[in-house]
Amino acid sequence: MYGAIVNTKPAFGGHVAVRNVVDMEFLVKESEVITGRPGRKFIICGADRIAYRVQSNSSGYEVHRLDEAGNSMCAEHMLPEMIAMHSLGEAMREGCLITSLLPD
């Protein structure tokens, strides 16, 4: 008997939709392990395509709003439960938060 692991998350043009905070936590840690660099870039789909870099730390996350060049405009510390109240959480609920399949 053969078995396979199937990724059930839809991928669009090299991007994957982020559905909840658990997904985000996994994706951030995955990126940090694979690349050896802190954080992962997330994009809110829409006309503005607002980008954030989310880094994990010992007590939660550092969320950096990125400009068009990828530089941090501002940063804020958040506990995991605070993400749901942030624009990232709203985008997750609306199905508008994506990240690249391979960490950048």
N, C-alpha and C. Protein backbone atom coordinates (compact mmCIF):
# COMPACT_ATOMS: atom_id res chain seq x y z
N MET A 1 0.85 -1.17 0.00
CA MET A 1 0.00 0.00 0.00
C MET A 1 0.89 1.24 0.00
N TYR A 2 0.53 2.20 -0.81
CA TYR A 2 1.28 3.43 -0.91
C TYR A 2 0.48 4.59 -0.34
N GLY A 3 1.16 5.51 0.26
CA GLY A 3 0.51 6.69 0.81
C GLY A 3 1.23 7.93 0.32
N ALA A 4 0.54 9.04 0.35
CA ALA A 4 1.15 10.30 -0.08
C ALA A 4 0.63 11.42 0.80
N ILE A 5 1.47 12.40 0.99
CA ILE A 5 1.05 13.60 1.70
C ILE A 5 0.58 14.58 0.64
N VAL A 6 -0.61 15.06 0.79
CA VAL A 6 -1.18 15.99 -0.18
C VAL A 6 -1.40 17.33 0.49
N ASN A 7 -0.86 18.38 -0.11
CA ASN A 7 -1.07 19.72 0.40
C ASN A 7 -2.44 20.18 -0.08
N THR A 8 -3.35 20.42 0.85
CA THR A 8 -4.71 20.79 0.47
C THR A 8 -4.91 22.29 0.34
N LYS A 9 -3.85 23.08 0.62
CA LYS A 9 -3.98 24.53 0.50
C LYS A 9 -3.87 24.93 -0.97
N PRO A 10 -4.76 25.80 -1.43
CA PRO A 10 -4.67 26.22 -2.82
C PRO A 10 -3.47 27.12 -3.05
N ALA A 11 -2.78 26.92 -4.15
CA ALA A 11 -1.63 27.75 -4.50
C ALA A 11 -1.97 28.52 -5.78
N PHE A 12 -1.65 29.79 -5.80
CA PHE A 12 -1.95 30.65 -6.93
C PHE A 12 -0.68 31.37 -7.36
N GLY A 13 -0.18 31.07 -8.53
CA GLY A 13 0.99 31.77 -9.05
C GLY A 13 2.17 31.77 -8.10
N GLY A 14 2.47 30.64 -7.49
CA GLY A 14 3.59 30.56 -6.57
C GLY A 14 3.30 31.09 -5.18
N HIS A 15 2.04 31.34 -4.88
CA HIS A 15 1.65 31.84 -3.56
C HIS A 15 0.64 30.90 -2.92
N VAL A 16 0.61 30.92 -1.60
CA VAL A 16 -0.34 30.09 -0.86
C VAL A 16 -1.17 31.01 0.04
N ALA A 17 -2.44 30.69 0.17
CA ALA A 17 -3.33 31.47 1.03
C ALA A 17 -3.08 31.10 2.48
N VAL A 18 -3.07 32.11 3.35
CA VAL A 18 -2.90 31.90 4.79
C VAL A 18 -4.29 32.02 5.40
N ARG A 19 -4.77 30.95 6.03
CA ARG A 19 -6.15 30.88 6.51
C ARG A 19 -6.33 31.24 7.97
N ASN A 20 -5.31 31.02 8.80
CA ASN A 20 -5.46 31.29 10.23
C ASN A 20 -4.10 31.52 10.87
N VAL A 21 -4.10 31.86 12.15
CA VAL A 21 -2.87 32.18 12.87
C VAL A 21 -1.96 30.96 12.97
N VAL A 22 -2.53 29.78 13.06
CA VAL A 22 -1.72 28.55 13.13
C VAL A 22 -0.94 28.39 11.83
N ASP A 23 -1.58 28.64 10.69
CA ASP A 23 -0.87 28.60 9.40
C ASP A 23 0.26 29.61 9.39
N MET A 24 -0.02 30.83 9.86
CA MET A 24 0.99 31.88 9.86
C MET A 24 2.18 31.47 10.73
N GLU A 25 1.90 30.94 11.90
CA GLU A 25 2.97 30.52 12.81
C GLU A 25 3.85 29.47 12.15
N PHE A 26 3.23 28.48 11.51
CA PHE A 26 3.98 27.43 10.82
C PHE A 26 4.82 28.02 9.69
N LEU A 27 4.22 28.88 8.88
CA LEU A 27 4.92 29.45 7.72
C LEU A 27 6.09 30.33 8.14
N VAL A 28 5.93 31.09 9.22
CA VAL A 28 7.03 31.93 9.71
C VAL A 28 8.18 31.05 10.18
N LYS A 29 7.88 30.05 10.98
CA LYS A 29 8.93 29.17 11.49
C LYS A 29 9.58 28.37 10.37
N GLU A 30 8.78 27.91 9.40
CA GLU A 30 9.32 27.19 8.25
C GLU A 30 10.34 28.05 7.51
N SER A 31 9.99 29.28 7.25
CA SER A 31 10.88 30.19 6.55
C SER A 31 12.16 30.44 7.33
N GLU A 32 12.03 30.64 8.63
CA GLU A 32 13.20 30.91 9.46
C GLU A 32 14.15 29.71 9.50
N VAL A 33 13.60 28.50 9.50
CA VAL A 33 14.43 27.30 9.52
C VAL A 33 15.11 27.10 8.16
N ILE A 34 14.37 27.26 7.07
CA ILE A 34 14.91 27.02 5.74
C ILE A 34 15.95 28.06 5.34
N THR A 35 15.64 29.33 5.58
CA THR A 35 16.53 30.40 5.12
C THR A 35 17.58 30.81 6.14
N GLY A 36 17.33 30.54 7.41
CA GLY A 36 18.24 30.99 8.46
C GLY A 36 18.12 32.47 8.75
N ARG A 37 17.14 33.13 8.13
CA ARG A 37 16.90 34.56 8.35
C ARG A 37 15.57 34.72 9.08
N PRO A 38 15.46 35.79 9.87
CA PRO A 38 14.21 35.98 10.62
C PRO A 38 13.05 36.43 9.73
N GLY A 39 11.89 35.89 9.99
CA GLY A 39 10.66 36.37 9.38
C GLY A 39 10.30 35.80 8.03
N ARG A 40 9.08 36.17 7.62
CA ARG A 40 8.55 35.78 6.33
C ARG A 40 7.65 36.90 5.84
N LYS A 41 7.63 37.11 4.55
CA LYS A 41 6.84 38.18 3.95
C LYS A 41 5.43 37.68 3.65
N PHE A 42 4.44 38.48 4.05
CA PHE A 42 3.04 38.21 3.78
C PHE A 42 2.45 39.41 3.04
N ILE A 43 1.54 39.15 2.14
CA ILE A 43 0.94 40.21 1.32
C ILE A 43 -0.57 40.17 1.47
N ILE A 44 -1.16 41.33 1.70
CA ILE A 44 -2.62 41.45 1.71
C ILE A 44 -3.03 41.79 0.28
N CYS A 45 -3.78 40.87 -0.33
CA CYS A 45 -4.23 41.07 -1.71
C CYS A 45 -5.23 42.23 -1.76
N GLY A 46 -5.15 42.99 -2.78
CA GLY A 46 -6.03 44.13 -2.96
C GLY A 46 -5.33 45.13 -3.86
N ALA A 47 -5.92 46.26 -4.04
CA ALA A 47 -5.35 47.26 -4.93
C ALA A 47 -3.98 47.73 -4.43
N ASP A 48 -3.81 47.85 -3.12
CA ASP A 48 -2.56 48.36 -2.56
C ASP A 48 -1.48 47.29 -2.39
N ARG A 49 -1.88 46.02 -2.28
CA ARG A 49 -0.95 44.91 -2.04
C ARG A 49 0.02 45.24 -0.91
N ILE A 50 -0.53 45.49 0.26
CA ILE A 50 0.25 45.85 1.44
C ILE A 50 1.06 44.64 1.90
N ALA A 51 2.35 44.86 2.15
CA ALA A 51 3.26 43.78 2.54
C ALA A 51 3.72 43.95 3.98
N TYR A 52 3.88 42.82 4.65
CA TYR A 52 4.39 42.77 6.02
C TYR A 52 5.44 41.68 6.12
N ARG A 53 6.43 41.88 6.98
CA ARG A 53 7.36 40.82 7.34
C ARG A 53 7.06 40.49 8.79
N VAL A 54 6.74 39.21 9.04
CA VAL A 54 6.40 38.75 10.39
C VAL A 54 7.54 37.87 10.88
N GLN A 55 8.09 38.23 12.04
CA GLN A 55 9.17 37.47 12.68
C GLN A 55 8.68 36.94 14.01
N SER A 56 9.07 35.72 14.31
CA SER A 56 8.71 35.17 15.63
C SER A 56 9.80 35.54 16.63
N ASN A 57 9.38 35.69 17.88
CA ASN A 57 10.33 35.87 18.97
C ASN A 57 9.80 35.13 20.18
N SER A 58 10.48 35.24 21.29
CA SER A 58 10.13 34.43 22.45
C SER A 58 8.74 34.70 23.02
N SER A 59 8.20 35.88 22.79
CA SER A 59 6.90 36.20 23.38
C SER A 59 5.81 36.53 22.35
N GLY A 60 6.06 36.29 21.10
CA GLY A 60 5.04 36.57 20.08
C GLY A 60 5.65 36.85 18.73
N TYR A 61 5.28 38.00 18.16
CA TYR A 61 5.73 38.35 16.81
C TYR A 61 6.18 39.79 16.74
N GLU A 62 7.11 40.06 15.85
CA GLU A 62 7.44 41.41 15.42
C GLU A 62 6.83 41.55 14.04
N VAL A 63 5.95 42.49 13.87
CA VAL A 63 5.27 42.70 12.59
C VAL A 63 5.79 44.00 11.99
N HIS A 64 6.42 43.90 10.83
CA HIS A 64 7.01 45.04 10.15
C HIS A 64 6.20 45.36 8.90
N ARG A 65 5.69 46.55 8.80
CA ARG A 65 5.03 47.01 7.57
C ARG A 65 6.13 47.38 6.60
N LEU A 66 6.05 46.89 5.37
CA LEU A 66 7.10 47.11 4.38
C LEU A 66 6.67 48.13 3.33
N ASP A 67 7.63 48.91 2.86
CA ASP A 67 7.35 49.82 1.75
C ASP A 67 7.55 49.05 0.44
N GLU A 68 7.42 49.73 -0.69
CA GLU A 68 7.52 49.05 -1.99
C GLU A 68 8.89 48.45 -2.24
N ALA A 69 9.93 49.01 -1.63
CA ALA A 69 11.29 48.49 -1.79
C ALA A 69 11.59 47.34 -0.82
N GLY A 70 10.66 47.03 0.06
CA GLY A 70 10.85 45.95 1.02
C GLY A 70 11.51 46.37 2.32
N ASN A 71 11.62 47.68 2.53
CA ASN A 71 12.20 48.20 3.76
C ASN A 71 11.11 48.38 4.82
N SER A 72 11.49 48.17 6.06
CA SER A 72 10.53 48.30 7.16
C SER A 72 10.18 49.77 7.39
N MET A 73 8.88 50.08 7.33
CA MET A 73 8.41 51.43 7.59
C MET A 73 8.13 51.62 9.09
N CYS A 74 7.59 50.60 9.70
CA CYS A 74 7.32 50.63 11.13
C CYS A 74 7.19 49.19 11.61
N ALA A 75 7.37 49.01 12.90
CA ALA A 75 7.29 47.67 13.47
C ALA A 75 6.50 47.72 14.77
N GLU A 76 5.82 46.63 15.07
CA GLU A 76 5.11 46.54 16.33
C GLU A 76 5.21 45.12 16.86
N HIS A 77 5.25 45.00 18.17
CA HIS A 77 5.29 43.71 18.83
C HIS A 77 3.87 43.25 19.08
N MET A 78 3.59 41.97 18.82
CA MET A 78 2.25 41.43 19.04
C MET A 78 2.31 40.06 19.67
N LEU A 79 1.39 39.81 20.56
CA LEU A 79 1.17 38.47 21.06
C LEU A 79 0.38 37.71 20.00
N PRO A 80 0.47 36.38 19.96
CA PRO A 80 -0.24 35.62 18.92
C PRO A 80 -1.74 35.93 18.84
N GLU A 81 -2.39 36.13 19.98
CA GLU A 81 -3.84 36.41 19.96
C GLU A 81 -4.15 37.81 19.42
N MET A 82 -3.16 38.70 19.38
CA MET A 82 -3.38 40.06 18.87
C MET A 82 -3.41 40.12 17.34
N ILE A 83 -2.84 39.10 16.69
CA ILE A 83 -2.81 39.08 15.22
C ILE A 83 -4.23 39.13 14.66
N ALA A 84 -5.17 38.49 15.32
CA ALA A 84 -6.56 38.45 14.84
C ALA A 84 -7.18 39.85 14.78
N MET A 85 -6.70 40.78 15.61
CA MET A 85 -7.25 42.13 15.62
C MET A 85 -6.51 43.07 14.67
N HIS A 86 -5.41 42.60 14.11
CA HIS A 86 -4.59 43.39 13.19
C HIS A 86 -5.15 43.24 11.77
N SER A 87 -4.71 44.09 10.87
CA SER A 87 -5.16 43.97 9.48
C SER A 87 -4.76 42.63 8.86
N LEU A 88 -3.70 42.00 9.38
CA LEU A 88 -3.34 40.66 8.92
C LEU A 88 -4.44 39.65 9.27
N GLY A 89 -4.99 39.76 10.47
CA GLY A 89 -6.08 38.88 10.89
C GLY A 89 -7.33 39.08 10.06
N GLU A 90 -7.63 40.34 9.77
CA GLU A 90 -8.79 40.64 8.93
C GLU A 90 -8.60 40.05 7.53
N ALA A 91 -7.40 40.20 6.99
CA ALA A 91 -7.12 39.64 5.66
C ALA A 91 -7.24 38.12 5.66
N MET A 92 -6.79 37.47 6.75
CA MET A 92 -6.93 36.01 6.86
C MET A 92 -8.40 35.61 6.81
N ARG A 93 -9.22 36.31 7.60
CA ARG A 93 -10.66 35.99 7.64
C ARG A 93 -11.31 36.18 6.28
N GLU A 94 -10.87 37.17 5.53
CA GLU A 94 -11.44 37.45 4.21
C GLU A 94 -10.83 36.60 3.10
N GLY A 95 -9.80 35.81 3.43
CA GLY A 95 -9.13 34.99 2.43
C GLY A 95 -8.22 35.79 1.51
N CYS A 96 -7.70 36.90 2.01
CA CYS A 96 -6.90 37.80 1.19
C CYS A 96 -5.43 37.87 1.61
N LEU A 97 -4.97 36.99 2.48
CA LEU A 97 -3.58 37.01 2.91
C LEU A 97 -2.83 35.88 2.23
N ILE A 98 -1.71 36.22 1.58
CA ILE A 98 -0.92 35.22 0.88
C ILE A 98 0.56 35.37 1.24
N THR A 99 1.31 34.33 0.96
CA THR A 99 2.75 34.33 1.06
C THR A 99 3.29 33.45 -0.06
N SER A 100 4.57 33.62 -0.38
CA SER A 100 5.15 32.80 -1.44
C SER A 100 5.31 31.36 -0.95
N LEU A 101 5.23 30.42 -1.89
CA LEU A 101 5.40 29.02 -1.52
C LEU A 101 6.80 28.77 -0.97
N LEU A 102 7.79 29.35 -1.59
CA LEU A 102 9.15 29.24 -1.10
C LEU A 102 9.49 30.52 -0.37
N PRO A 103 10.08 30.40 0.80
CA PRO A 103 10.42 31.61 1.56
C PRO A 103 11.34 32.52 0.78
N ASP A 104 11.12 33.84 0.94
CA ASP A 104 12.00 34.80 0.26
C ASP A 104 12.85 35.53 1.24
